[in-house]
Amino acid sequence: MANKVKMGLKNVHYAVVTETPDEAGEIKTTYGPIKAWNGAVNMETSIEGSNEDFYADDSVYFTAPAPINYSGSFESALIPEDILLSVFHQTKDETTGLVVEKNDDVTSYIALMFEIAGDTSKRRYIFYRCMMSRPNVNGATTEDSRTPQTETVEFTASARPDDGLVKAYAEEGSTAFTSFFTTVQVPS
C-alpha cells in the first residue's frame, strides 16, 4: 500500500564530497565516511528556477527546462562540532579548546541524507551535492518554560558536475533503503 501522507524527520546523515579531475580533466565525485547529524527538527526545500518559454507562430513554440537546483533550510537542536570542523573547516585549538572560525575558511560540499516516515512506510532521501551556509549564533533568555533553542543552516543542492545527479530516494524494503547510511547510494 502506498503512502498517503508523510510525517516525521529523522536519521539525518552527511558525507563530505570530494570532486577530483581525472587525467582527461573530467570531474569525479567521491564521498567521505557517512556520519550522523543528530537533533533533526525541521527541513524545508524548494526548487529554484523556472522553465523558459520560446515564442514563435504566436504561441509557445518550445519550452527549455530550467536547471534543477534546490534551496532549503535544515533546523537542528545544535550543529555538532564535527560538522563545524569537517564541513565548515573551523579549527579547534588543542591547548585552549577554542573552536575558531576564520574569514577564509572554505566550506565543503556535502551529501545530505535523511528519512521521512509515511503512514505505511518510510523513504530515505539524498541530495548529492549541497553547499551549506555558515550557521548563525542565537539564543534567548529562559522564561517560564525551558524551550530549547535551535540552529538553522541554509543550503543549496545542485547537480554533481560529473553525472548531473541532484536528488534520489529509496522506499522501505528496497536494497538501497537497507544500505542507505552505509554508503552513498547512486544509480548503477
Protein backbone atom coordinates (compact mmCIF):
# COMPACT_ATOMS: atom_id res chain seq x y z
CA MET A 1 0.00 0.00 0.00
CA ALA A 2 1.42 3.40 -0.99
CA ASN A 3 1.87 6.25 1.46
CA LYS A 4 -0.81 8.92 1.52
CA VAL A 5 0.97 11.34 3.86
CA LYS A 6 4.42 11.92 5.27
CA MET A 7 5.36 12.74 8.83
CA GLY A 8 8.49 12.82 10.88
CA LEU A 9 12.11 13.60 10.09
CA LYS A 10 14.98 11.55 11.45
CA ASN A 11 18.21 9.75 10.58
CA VAL A 12 19.88 12.83 9.11
CA HIS A 13 23.37 11.98 7.88
CA TYR A 14 26.00 13.69 5.80
CA ALA A 15 29.15 12.82 3.87
CA VAL A 16 31.79 15.29 2.71
CA VAL A 17 32.07 15.49 -1.09
CA THR A 18 35.38 15.40 -2.94
CA GLU A 19 35.48 16.46 -6.58
CA THR A 20 38.69 15.44 -8.33
CA PRO A 21 39.59 15.92 -12.00
CA ASP A 22 40.87 12.79 -13.77
CA GLU A 23 43.59 12.65 -16.44
CA ALA A 24 41.17 13.94 -19.09
CA GLY A 25 40.04 16.83 -16.87
CA GLU A 26 36.64 15.27 -16.15
CA ILE A 27 35.37 15.65 -12.59
CA LYS A 28 34.95 12.50 -10.47
CA THR A 29 32.72 12.80 -7.37
CA THR A 30 33.53 10.71 -4.30
CA TYR A 31 32.30 10.80 -0.72
CA GLY A 32 33.93 10.56 2.69
CA PRO A 33 32.52 8.49 5.54
CA ILE A 34 28.82 8.89 6.28
CA LYS A 35 28.24 10.49 9.68
CA ALA A 36 25.09 11.10 11.71
CA TRP A 37 23.77 14.65 12.22
CA ASN A 38 21.67 14.18 15.35
CA GLY A 39 18.95 16.52 16.55
CA ALA A 40 16.85 16.96 13.39
CA VAL A 41 13.95 19.37 13.94
CA ASN A 42 12.80 20.56 10.51
CA MET A 43 13.83 20.56 6.86
CA GLU A 44 12.32 22.60 4.06
CA THR A 45 13.34 22.70 0.40
CA SER A 46 12.07 24.45 -2.68
CA ILE A 47 13.06 24.14 -6.30
CA GLU A 48 14.76 27.14 -7.88
CA GLY A 49 14.40 28.50 -11.38
CA SER A 50 11.64 28.25 -13.90
CA ASN A 51 11.24 26.97 -17.43
CA GLU A 52 11.97 29.40 -20.27
CA ASP A 53 9.37 29.69 -22.99
CA PHE A 54 10.35 30.47 -26.60
CA TYR A 55 7.60 32.01 -28.68
CA ALA A 56 7.08 31.52 -32.42
CA ASP A 57 3.99 31.39 -34.61
CA ASP A 58 2.14 33.43 -31.95
CA SER A 59 2.40 30.67 -29.33
CA VAL A 60 4.82 28.84 -27.08
CA TYR A 61 6.93 27.02 -29.65
CA PHE A 62 9.45 25.45 -27.28
CA THR A 63 9.97 25.30 -23.52
CA ALA A 64 13.51 24.92 -22.20
CA PRO A 65 13.59 23.22 -18.82
CA ALA A 66 15.35 25.07 -16.02
CA PRO A 67 18.41 23.51 -14.39
CA ILE A 68 17.42 21.65 -11.24
CA ASN A 69 18.62 23.32 -8.07
CA TYR A 70 17.04 23.30 -4.65
CA SER A 71 17.37 25.79 -1.85
CA GLY A 72 16.47 24.86 1.66
CA SER A 73 16.99 25.11 5.34
CA PHE A 74 17.75 22.49 7.93
CA GLU A 75 16.98 23.14 11.59
CA SER A 76 18.63 21.03 14.26
CA ALA A 77 18.88 21.10 18.01
CA LEU A 78 22.56 22.03 17.82
CA ILE A 79 25.09 21.95 14.98
CA PRO A 80 27.54 19.21 16.01
CA GLU A 81 31.17 20.27 16.47
CA ASP A 82 32.27 17.65 13.94
CA ILE A 83 30.31 19.50 11.24
CA LEU A 84 31.88 22.81 12.21
CA LEU A 85 35.32 21.18 11.83
CA SER A 86 34.85 18.86 8.83
CA VAL A 87 32.35 20.82 6.70
CA PHE A 88 32.95 24.47 7.62
CA HIS A 89 36.66 23.85 8.26
CA GLN A 90 36.78 25.73 11.51
CA THR A 91 39.75 24.75 13.66
CA LYS A 92 39.98 23.58 17.25
CA ASP A 93 42.86 24.83 19.34
CA GLU A 94 44.07 21.79 21.28
CA THR A 95 45.56 23.90 24.09
CA THR A 96 42.60 26.15 24.84
CA GLY A 97 39.72 24.13 23.35
CA LEU A 98 38.58 27.14 21.29
CA VAL A 99 36.75 26.30 18.07
CA VAL A 100 37.79 29.12 15.76
CA GLU A 101 36.10 30.40 12.62
CA LYS A 102 38.24 32.42 10.20
CA ASN A 103 37.20 34.70 7.38
CA ASP A 104 38.86 32.49 4.76
CA ASP A 105 37.52 29.11 5.94
CA VAL A 106 36.31 27.20 2.87
CA THR A 107 33.08 25.21 3.22
CA SER A 108 32.98 21.71 1.70
CA TYR A 109 30.11 20.32 -0.33
CA ILE A 110 28.23 17.51 1.41
CA ALA A 111 25.73 14.82 0.54
CA LEU A 112 22.73 15.32 2.82
CA MET A 113 20.70 12.20 3.66
CA PHE A 114 17.57 11.85 5.77
CA GLU A 115 14.49 9.74 6.41
CA ILE A 116 10.84 10.77 6.34
CA ALA A 117 8.17 8.35 7.56
CA GLY A 118 4.85 7.96 5.83
CA ASP A 119 1.60 6.47 7.04
CA THR A 120 2.56 3.00 5.75
CA SER A 121 6.32 3.04 5.05
CA LYS A 122 9.48 5.16 5.13
CA ARG A 123 11.54 6.92 2.47
CA ARG A 124 15.20 7.81 2.65
CA TYR A 125 16.32 10.80 0.61
CA ILE A 126 19.67 12.11 -0.56
CA PHE A 127 20.76 15.43 -2.01
CA TYR A 128 24.08 14.55 -3.66
CA ARG A 129 25.82 17.94 -3.59
CA CYS A 130 24.87 20.58 -1.01
CA MET A 131 26.60 23.81 -0.08
CA MET A 132 25.71 24.88 3.46
CA SER A 133 25.72 28.43 4.76
CA ARG A 134 27.65 29.16 7.91
CA PRO A 135 25.32 28.83 10.90
CA ASN A 136 24.10 31.85 12.85
CA VAL A 137 24.61 32.11 16.59
CA ASN A 138 21.47 32.90 18.56
CA GLY A 139 19.99 32.39 21.99
CA ALA A 140 17.20 33.60 24.22
CA THR A 141 16.69 34.03 27.91
CA THR A 142 14.83 31.32 29.82
CA GLU A 143 11.42 32.47 30.98
CA ASP A 144 8.54 30.40 32.36
CA SER A 145 9.34 27.39 30.21
CA ARG A 146 12.62 25.83 29.17
CA THR A 147 12.07 25.65 25.42
CA PRO A 148 15.27 24.59 23.68
CA GLN A 149 16.79 26.95 21.13
CA THR A 150 17.63 25.51 17.71
CA GLU A 151 20.16 26.28 14.99
CA THR A 152 19.45 26.52 11.28
CA VAL A 153 21.66 26.32 8.21
CA GLU A 154 20.58 27.33 4.75
CA PHE A 155 21.71 25.16 1.86
CA THR A 156 21.67 24.89 -1.89
CA ALA A 157 21.55 21.49 -3.58
CA SER A 158 22.91 21.41 -7.12
CA ALA A 159 23.85 18.78 -9.70
CA ARG A 160 27.05 16.78 -9.45
CA PRO A 161 29.41 18.01 -12.18
CA ASP A 162 30.25 14.52 -13.47
CA ASP A 163 26.79 12.99 -14.00
CA GLY A 164 24.13 15.58 -13.14
CA LEU A 165 22.70 13.71 -10.13
CA VAL A 166 20.78 16.05 -7.81
CA LYS A 167 18.43 14.03 -5.60
CA ALA A 168 17.16 10.48 -5.10
CA TYR A 169 15.08 8.49 -2.65
CA ALA A 170 14.63 4.84 -1.71
CA GLU A 171 11.45 3.21 -0.45
CA GLU A 172 11.47 0.97 2.60
CA GLY A 173 12.07 -2.63 1.50
CA SER A 174 14.43 -1.78 -1.36
CA THR A 175 18.11 -2.76 -1.45
CA ALA A 176 19.13 0.91 -1.48
CA PHE A 177 16.98 1.61 1.62
CA THR A 178 18.70 -1.12 3.63
CA SER A 179 22.24 0.13 2.99
CA PHE A 180 21.35 3.83 2.66
CA PHE A 181 23.51 5.12 5.52
CA THR A 182 26.50 2.81 4.97
CA THR A 183 27.48 4.07 1.51
CA VAL A 184 26.26 6.94 -0.68
CA GLN A 185 23.70 5.33 -2.98
CA VAL A 186 23.99 6.15 -6.69
CA PRO A 187 22.18 4.51 -9.61
CA SER A 188 24.05 1.74 -11.39
